[in-house]
């Protein structure tokens, strides 16, 4: 199958890491595109990088778990609703139970995952919470279908 991509390309990386690629079929076409595009590319890259810096600044200004009172204060208002129970999360999903069947590894509590389609069909297992690619990540502890735990396994996550 023949490639539909132009045979000549040039990619420029800005100081902030933005990549801009120009493609052409001939060297002359590339020269023309570069000459016509330099000013607009510089302006577009600066605009994009400014927008990214603005988003990062806004994200840094927002606390990770804002309370109603802190949000109200930021708008010059006061929180008039009182709660008898503290609200811990914005999510209505129940937290995974840490009861029977949970396992730990050196990185913390292992995540219980039930996969509906794996290499060998459905699977259930305990997965290390360390980040993907971490060389110290623990081996997954799979539950076999013939084990008694298979039927009582309560997953924290289900994957299709």
Protein backbone atom coordinates (compact mmCIF):
# COMPACT_ATOMS: atom_id res chain seq x y z
CA UNK A 1 0.00 0.00 0.00
CA UNK A 2 1.46 3.36 -1.01
CA UNK A 3 1.82 6.14 1.55
CA UNK A 4 -0.43 9.16 1.08
CA UNK A 5 1.84 11.34 3.21
CA UNK A 6 4.06 13.96 1.56
CA UNK A 7 7.66 12.78 1.14
CA UNK A 8 9.19 15.94 2.66
CA UNK A 9 8.35 17.24 6.11
CA UNK A 10 9.87 19.52 8.71
CA UNK A 11 8.88 19.62 12.36
CA UNK A 12 9.78 22.52 14.66
CA UNK A 13 9.59 22.31 18.44
CA UNK A 14 9.06 25.47 20.48
CA UNK A 15 10.71 26.19 23.82
CA UNK A 16 7.49 25.15 25.60
CA UNK A 17 7.34 21.88 23.64
CA UNK A 18 4.72 22.64 21.00
CA UNK A 19 5.34 20.83 17.70
CA UNK A 20 4.52 22.30 14.29
CA UNK A 21 4.93 20.17 11.14
CA UNK A 22 4.96 21.34 7.53
CA UNK A 23 4.72 18.82 4.67
CA UNK A 24 5.42 19.21 0.96
CA UNK A 25 5.90 17.14 -2.18
CA UNK A 26 8.97 19.04 -3.41
CA UNK A 27 11.78 21.11 -1.88
CA UNK A 28 10.53 24.22 -3.68
CA UNK A 29 7.01 23.72 -2.28
CA UNK A 30 8.47 23.30 1.22
CA UNK A 31 10.46 26.55 0.84
CA UNK A 32 7.29 28.41 -0.17
CA UNK A 33 5.27 26.95 2.69
CA UNK A 34 7.97 27.81 5.22
CA UNK A 35 8.21 31.40 3.95
CA UNK A 36 4.43 31.87 4.04
CA UNK A 37 3.93 30.11 7.35
CA UNK A 38 6.67 31.40 9.65
CA UNK A 39 4.80 34.46 10.93
CA UNK A 40 1.44 32.74 11.30
CA UNK A 41 3.01 29.69 12.94
CA UNK A 42 4.87 31.84 15.45
CA UNK A 43 1.69 33.76 16.33
CA UNK A 44 -0.40 30.60 16.59
CA UNK A 45 2.20 28.86 18.74
CA UNK A 46 2.47 31.86 21.07
CA UNK A 47 -1.32 32.02 21.36
CA UNK A 48 -1.56 28.31 22.11
CA UNK A 49 1.21 28.42 24.69
CA UNK A 50 -0.35 31.46 26.38
CA UNK A 51 -3.68 29.63 26.57
CA UNK A 52 -1.98 26.59 28.08
CA UNK A 53 -0.15 28.74 30.64
CA UNK A 54 -3.48 30.39 31.52
CA UNK A 55 -5.20 27.01 32.03
CA UNK A 56 -2.31 25.79 34.17
CA UNK A 57 -2.48 28.97 36.26
CA UNK A 58 -6.24 28.58 36.75
CA UNK A 59 -5.84 24.91 37.68
CA UNK A 60 -3.11 25.79 40.18
CA UNK A 61 -5.38 28.42 41.77
CA UNK A 62 -8.25 25.98 42.38
CA UNK A 63 -7.81 23.87 45.51
CA UNK A 64 -7.95 20.10 44.87
CA UNK A 65 -11.05 19.60 47.07
CA UNK A 66 -12.84 22.94 47.30
CA UNK A 67 -15.49 23.34 49.95
CA UNK A 68 -18.78 25.13 49.43
CA UNK A 69 -17.62 27.81 51.86
CA UNK A 70 -14.35 28.44 49.97
CA UNK A 71 -16.22 28.72 46.67
CA UNK A 72 -18.82 31.04 48.19
CA UNK A 73 -16.08 33.21 49.70
CA UNK A 74 -14.31 33.51 46.33
CA UNK A 75 -17.55 35.04 44.93
CA UNK A 76 -18.05 37.30 47.96
CA UNK A 77 -21.00 35.22 49.20
CA UNK A 78 -21.62 33.24 52.35
CA UNK A 79 -22.64 29.62 52.71
CA UNK A 80 -26.11 29.57 54.29
CA UNK A 81 -26.63 25.81 54.05
CA UNK A 82 -25.50 23.86 57.07
CA UNK A 83 -24.80 20.16 57.05
CA UNK A 84 -24.97 17.81 60.00
CA UNK A 85 -22.72 15.32 58.21
CA UNK A 86 -19.51 16.37 56.45
CA UNK A 87 -19.49 16.04 52.68
CA UNK A 88 -16.29 14.30 51.62
CA UNK A 89 -16.69 14.05 47.88
CA UNK A 90 -18.49 15.46 44.88
CA UNK A 91 -19.08 11.91 43.62
CA UNK A 92 -22.28 10.05 44.41
CA UNK A 93 -20.61 6.71 43.76
CA UNK A 94 -20.05 4.68 46.91
CA UNK A 95 -16.46 4.16 47.95
CA UNK A 96 -15.11 0.65 47.41
CA UNK A 97 -15.50 -1.47 50.48
CA UNK A 98 -12.32 -2.42 52.26
CA UNK A 99 -13.86 -5.48 53.85
CA UNK A 100 -13.21 -9.12 53.23
CA UNK A 101 -11.18 -9.95 50.18
CA UNK A 102 -8.96 -6.87 50.10
CA UNK A 103 -5.23 -7.45 49.74
CA UNK A 104 -2.24 -5.24 50.33
CA UNK A 105 1.17 -4.96 48.73
CA UNK A 106 4.15 -2.71 49.58
CA UNK A 107 2.48 0.08 47.53
CA UNK A 108 -0.86 0.03 49.40
CA UNK A 109 -4.25 -1.62 48.99
CA UNK A 110 -4.50 -3.56 45.74
CA UNK A 111 -7.33 -2.70 43.34
CA UNK A 112 -9.87 -5.47 42.72
CA UNK A 113 -10.65 -5.59 39.00
CA UNK A 114 -13.10 -7.78 37.09
CA UNK A 115 -12.40 -7.83 33.38
CA UNK A 116 -15.10 -9.09 31.06
CA UNK A 117 -12.80 -9.88 28.12
CA UNK A 118 -9.18 -10.83 28.67
CA UNK A 119 -6.64 -12.86 26.73
CA UNK A 120 -8.17 -16.04 28.17
CA UNK A 121 -11.74 -14.78 28.72
CA UNK A 122 -13.15 -13.09 31.83
CA UNK A 123 -10.71 -12.43 34.66
CA UNK A 124 -10.69 -11.25 38.27
CA UNK A 125 -7.67 -10.16 40.20
CA UNK A 126 -5.85 -7.88 42.57
CA UNK A 127 -3.75 -5.18 40.87
CA UNK A 128 -0.91 -3.22 42.46
CA UNK A 129 -1.68 0.52 42.80
CA UNK A 130 1.84 1.54 41.65
CA UNK A 131 1.95 3.53 38.41
CA UNK A 132 2.21 1.69 35.10
CA UNK A 133 5.87 1.19 34.17
CA UNK A 134 7.12 1.40 37.77
CA UNK A 135 9.84 -1.27 38.01
CA UNK A 136 8.81 -2.03 41.61
CA UNK A 137 5.16 -2.66 40.60
CA UNK A 138 3.93 -5.93 42.13
CA UNK A 139 2.70 -8.90 40.10
CA UNK A 140 -1.06 -9.11 39.59
CA UNK A 141 -2.72 -11.77 41.73
CA UNK A 142 -5.37 -13.41 39.53
CA UNK A 143 -8.30 -15.42 40.87
CA UNK A 144 -8.97 -18.61 38.91
CA UNK A 145 -12.54 -19.56 38.00
CA UNK A 146 -12.25 -22.83 39.94
CA UNK A 147 -11.33 -21.00 43.17
CA UNK A 148 -14.09 -20.39 45.73
CA UNK A 149 -13.19 -16.69 45.83
CA UNK A 150 -14.26 -16.28 42.16
CA UNK A 151 -17.97 -16.29 43.11
CA UNK A 152 -17.64 -13.95 46.12
CA UNK A 153 -15.17 -11.49 44.49
CA UNK A 154 -16.37 -7.87 44.78
CA UNK A 155 -14.59 -5.73 42.20
CA UNK A 156 -13.64 -2.07 42.71
CA UNK A 157 -13.66 -1.70 38.91
CA UNK A 158 -15.15 -3.61 36.01
CA UNK A 159 -13.52 -3.38 32.60
CA UNK A 160 -15.22 -4.23 29.34
